[in-house]
Amino acid sequence: MTDGAAAPLQVQVWSDYICPFCHVARERMQYLEREHGAQVEWFPFDLHPEYPDDGLRRATLETLYGGPGFDQPVRDMAEAAGLPYAPHPVVVPRSRRALELTEWARSLGDGSHRRLHGAIMDAYWRDGRDITQWDVLLDVARAEGLDAEAGLIAVEAGEHAAAVAESTEWAGSAGITGVPGIVLDGRLLISGVVSHEDLDDAVRAVGEAPA
């Protein structure tokens, strides 16, 4: 455990809702919070801006990546982490709308971002919902006690498009080319999902390194 007198370890994670490894990273970040007292903040990364606005047919994705079962390794990884793995069976959503809605929640400054981020992840990976659709996103936001209609208006007006674009661009400039991109203490970048033991080593390395 982290010394209670020390400043909490700051962890920033760039992710996309439709990235299965970002889903698994949720458990890894819970581990850092639990075992190392980390403070974790999630940031948007628009992983597939080329997807159609109404999402990509899963059958198309399977064709691109080797057919049904191409995702079995990450499915196994999720299950080993105690996480559900039941994405929408037909559509791989276009996530930009969900990313912008979560940035609207961040702008509220009351912890809504963290709650909505987790709820949208659950909606897709646990409940198999199509998070491309406004009716789904509004339902999820309402369940978290948010003024969903205000979020819709803000996103449709483009008020949070720049935040997603700038976050994605900044991550790329910092060497994050895929997600999750996990940054410890603003100094150490971990690309992808690693084991608890590797996270322990990373935390130790940051703690021992000069400021």
Protein backbone atom coordinates (compact mmCIF):
# COMPACT_ATOMS: atom_id res chain seq x y z
CA MET A 1 0.00 0.00 0.00
CA THR A 2 1.08 3.56 -0.63
CA ASP A 3 2.33 5.49 2.42
CA GLY A 4 -0.63 7.49 3.68
CA ALA A 5 1.61 10.56 4.13
CA ALA A 6 2.64 10.56 0.49
CA ALA A 7 0.78 12.39 -2.24
CA PRO A 8 -1.62 10.04 -4.03
CA LEU A 9 -0.35 8.49 -7.23
CA GLN A 10 -1.98 10.29 -10.16
CA VAL A 11 -3.03 8.04 -13.02
CA GLN A 12 -4.47 9.22 -16.31
CA VAL A 13 -6.03 6.78 -18.75
CA TRP A 14 -6.89 7.46 -22.39
CA SER A 15 -9.58 5.09 -23.62
CA ASP A 16 -12.49 4.46 -25.95
CA TYR A 17 -15.72 2.74 -24.96
CA ILE A 18 -15.54 0.24 -27.81
CA CYS A 19 -11.99 -0.89 -27.00
CA PRO A 20 -12.13 -4.29 -25.26
CA PHE A 21 -8.75 -3.76 -23.65
CA CYS A 22 -10.03 -0.49 -22.15
CA HIS A 23 -12.83 -2.53 -20.62
CA VAL A 24 -10.28 -4.84 -19.01
CA ALA A 25 -8.26 -1.81 -17.90
CA ARG A 26 -11.13 -0.86 -15.59
CA GLU A 27 -10.21 -3.76 -13.32
CA ARG A 28 -6.53 -2.83 -13.49
CA MET A 29 -7.32 0.74 -12.46
CA GLN A 30 -9.44 -0.54 -9.57
CA TYR A 31 -6.38 -2.52 -8.51
CA LEU A 32 -4.22 0.62 -8.54
CA GLU A 33 -6.82 2.47 -6.50
CA ARG A 34 -7.18 -0.33 -4.00
CA GLU A 35 -3.55 -1.40 -3.60
CA HIS A 36 -1.69 1.85 -4.26
CA GLY A 37 -4.16 4.56 -3.31
CA ALA A 38 -4.10 5.89 -6.88
CA GLN A 39 -6.36 8.66 -8.11
CA VAL A 40 -7.49 7.66 -11.60
CA GLU A 41 -8.93 9.96 -14.24
CA TRP A 42 -10.19 8.80 -17.64
CA PHE A 43 -9.78 10.80 -20.85
CA PRO A 44 -11.31 10.28 -24.30
CA PHE A 45 -9.49 8.78 -27.26
CA ASP A 46 -11.47 8.53 -30.49
CA LEU A 47 -10.12 5.17 -31.59
CA HIS A 48 -12.13 4.68 -34.79
CA PRO A 49 -13.22 8.01 -36.28
CA GLU A 50 -13.66 6.23 -39.62
CA TYR A 51 -16.62 4.17 -38.39
CA PRO A 52 -20.02 5.13 -39.86
CA ASP A 53 -22.21 7.30 -37.63
CA ASP A 54 -24.56 4.37 -37.04
CA GLY A 55 -21.71 1.98 -36.21
CA LEU A 56 -19.95 -0.86 -37.98
CA ARG A 57 -21.54 -4.25 -38.54
CA ARG A 58 -19.82 -6.79 -36.33
CA ALA A 59 -19.73 -9.21 -39.25
CA THR A 60 -17.59 -6.67 -41.12
CA LEU A 61 -15.18 -6.49 -38.19
CA GLU A 62 -14.98 -10.26 -38.02
CA THR A 63 -14.11 -10.38 -41.72
CA LEU A 64 -11.33 -7.86 -41.17
CA TYR A 65 -9.83 -9.66 -38.19
CA GLY A 66 -10.13 -13.33 -39.04
CA GLY A 67 -13.72 -14.39 -38.51
CA PRO A 68 -15.85 -15.28 -35.48
CA GLY A 69 -13.83 -15.86 -32.35
CA PHE A 70 -11.10 -13.39 -33.25
CA ASP A 71 -11.69 -11.69 -29.91
CA GLN A 72 -11.48 -14.83 -27.79
CA PRO A 73 -8.15 -13.86 -26.16
CA VAL A 74 -9.51 -10.57 -24.86
CA ARG A 75 -12.77 -12.28 -23.88
CA ASP A 76 -10.70 -14.68 -21.77
CA MET A 77 -8.77 -11.75 -20.32
CA ALA A 78 -11.98 -9.98 -19.30
CA GLU A 79 -13.41 -13.09 -17.71
CA ALA A 80 -10.17 -13.70 -15.81
CA ALA A 81 -10.50 -10.17 -14.44
CA GLY A 82 -14.04 -10.92 -13.28
CA LEU A 83 -15.62 -8.69 -15.91
CA PRO A 84 -18.57 -9.44 -18.19
CA TYR A 85 -17.96 -9.61 -21.93
CA ALA A 86 -21.19 -9.23 -23.86
CA PRO A 87 -20.81 -6.44 -26.43
CA HIS A 88 -23.64 -5.66 -28.82
CA PRO A 89 -23.94 -8.76 -31.04
CA VAL A 90 -24.69 -6.95 -34.30
CA VAL A 91 -23.18 -3.46 -34.18
CA VAL A 92 -19.80 -2.12 -33.10
CA PRO A 93 -20.86 1.40 -32.13
CA ARG A 94 -19.43 4.67 -33.31
CA SER A 95 -18.31 5.99 -29.94
CA ARG A 96 -17.86 9.69 -30.63
CA ARG A 97 -21.30 10.68 -29.33
CA ALA A 98 -20.74 8.76 -26.09
CA LEU A 99 -17.28 10.30 -25.65
CA GLU A 100 -18.68 13.81 -26.10
CA LEU A 101 -21.55 13.14 -23.69
CA THR A 102 -19.07 12.04 -21.05
CA GLU A 103 -17.07 15.23 -21.58
CA TRP A 104 -20.30 17.16 -20.98
CA ALA A 105 -20.60 15.25 -17.69
CA ARG A 106 -17.00 16.22 -16.85
CA SER A 107 -17.89 19.88 -17.38
CA LEU A 108 -20.41 19.63 -14.55
CA GLY A 109 -17.51 19.25 -12.12
CA ASP A 110 -19.37 17.13 -9.59
CA GLY A 111 -18.04 13.63 -10.18
CA SER A 112 -20.60 12.93 -12.88
CA HIS A 113 -17.89 12.07 -15.41
CA ARG A 114 -16.60 9.09 -13.46
CA ARG A 115 -20.10 7.73 -12.86
CA LEU A 116 -21.22 8.14 -16.46
CA HIS A 117 -18.00 6.67 -17.83
CA GLY A 118 -18.51 3.49 -15.82
CA ALA A 119 -22.20 3.33 -16.68
CA ILE A 120 -21.61 3.58 -20.43
CA MET A 121 -18.92 0.92 -20.21
CA ASP A 122 -21.42 -1.32 -18.43
CA ALA A 123 -24.14 -0.56 -20.95
CA TYR A 124 -21.94 -1.79 -23.80
CA TRP A 125 -19.80 -4.56 -22.30
CA ARG A 126 -22.21 -5.97 -19.73
CA ASP A 127 -25.64 -5.23 -21.20
CA GLY A 128 -24.82 -5.40 -24.92
CA ARG A 129 -26.51 -2.10 -25.74
CA ASP A 130 -25.82 0.01 -28.83
CA ILE A 131 -24.22 3.13 -27.38
CA THR A 132 -24.37 4.80 -30.79
CA GLN A 133 -28.05 5.48 -30.14
CA TRP A 134 -29.26 8.54 -28.28
CA ASP A 135 -32.10 6.65 -26.62
CA VAL A 136 -29.55 4.32 -25.01
CA LEU A 137 -27.21 7.11 -23.93
CA LEU A 138 -30.06 9.19 -22.52
CA ASP A 139 -31.36 6.22 -20.58
CA VAL A 140 -27.92 5.56 -19.11
CA ALA A 141 -27.43 9.22 -18.19
CA ARG A 142 -30.84 9.44 -16.53
CA ALA A 143 -30.08 6.33 -14.49
CA GLU A 144 -27.04 8.18 -13.10
CA GLY A 145 -29.25 11.11 -12.05
CA LEU A 146 -28.07 13.43 -14.82
CA ASP A 147 -30.08 15.91 -16.88
CA ALA A 148 -29.77 13.80 -20.00
CA GLU A 149 -31.64 16.23 -22.25
CA ALA A 150 -29.19 19.00 -21.34
CA GLY A 151 -26.36 16.67 -22.33
CA LEU A 152 -28.01 15.89 -25.64
CA ILE A 153 -28.45 19.58 -26.43
CA ALA A 154 -24.81 20.32 -25.57
CA VAL A 155 -23.45 17.45 -27.67
CA GLU A 156 -25.69 18.17 -30.64
CA ALA A 157 -24.53 21.78 -30.51
CA GLY A 158 -20.92 20.58 -30.75
CA GLU A 159 -19.95 22.05 -27.39
CA HIS A 160 -17.69 19.12 -26.43
CA ALA A 161 -16.40 17.98 -29.80
CA ALA A 162 -13.20 19.96 -29.37
CA ALA A 163 -12.48 18.37 -26.00
CA VAL A 164 -12.57 14.87 -27.53
CA ALA A 165 -10.53 15.90 -30.56
CA GLU A 166 -7.91 17.71 -28.48
CA SER A 167 -7.59 14.85 -26.00
CA THR A 168 -7.10 12.37 -28.83
CA GLU A 169 -4.59 14.62 -30.57
CA TRP A 170 -2.64 15.28 -27.38
CA ALA A 171 -2.45 11.58 -26.59
CA GLY A 172 -1.04 10.90 -30.04
CA SER A 173 1.59 13.61 -29.60
CA ALA A 174 2.57 12.02 -26.27
CA GLY A 175 3.18 8.65 -27.90
CA ILE A 176 -0.19 7.04 -27.23
CA THR A 177 -1.06 5.35 -30.50
CA GLY A 178 -3.50 2.80 -29.12
CA VAL A 179 -5.60 2.39 -26.03
CA PRO A 180 -5.65 2.07 -23.17
CA GLY A 181 -2.81 4.50 -22.71
CA ILE A 182 -2.03 4.68 -19.00
CA VAL A 183 0.19 7.42 -17.61
CA LEU A 184 1.55 7.19 -14.06
CA ASP A 185 2.53 10.39 -12.31
CA GLY A 186 2.72 12.21 -15.63
CA ARG A 187 5.98 10.39 -16.36
CA LEU A 188 5.56 6.72 -17.18
CA LEU A 189 3.44 5.49 -20.10
CA ILE A 190 2.02 1.98 -20.09
CA SER A 191 0.51 0.94 -23.41
CA GLY A 192 -2.24 -1.65 -23.26
CA VAL A 193 -3.26 -3.99 -20.46
CA VAL A 194 -0.55 -5.40 -18.21
CA SER A 195 -0.66 -7.66 -15.17
CA HIS A 196 -1.04 -6.58 -11.56
CA GLU A 197 2.61 -7.50 -11.02
CA ASP A 198 3.71 -5.27 -13.88
CA LEU A 199 1.62 -2.44 -12.44
CA ASP A 200 3.34 -2.95 -9.08
CA ASP A 201 6.71 -2.71 -10.81
CA ALA A 202 5.64 0.46 -12.64
CA VAL A 203 4.46 2.11 -9.43
CA ARG A 204 7.74 1.17 -7.76
CA ALA A 205 9.74 2.59 -10.67
CA VAL A 206 7.88 5.88 -10.53
CA GLY A 207 8.37 6.08 -6.77
CA GLU A 208 12.10 5.49 -7.05
CA ALA A 209 12.72 7.81 -10.01
CA PRO A 210 13.88 11.40 -9.54
CA ALA A 211 11.10 13.98 -9.62
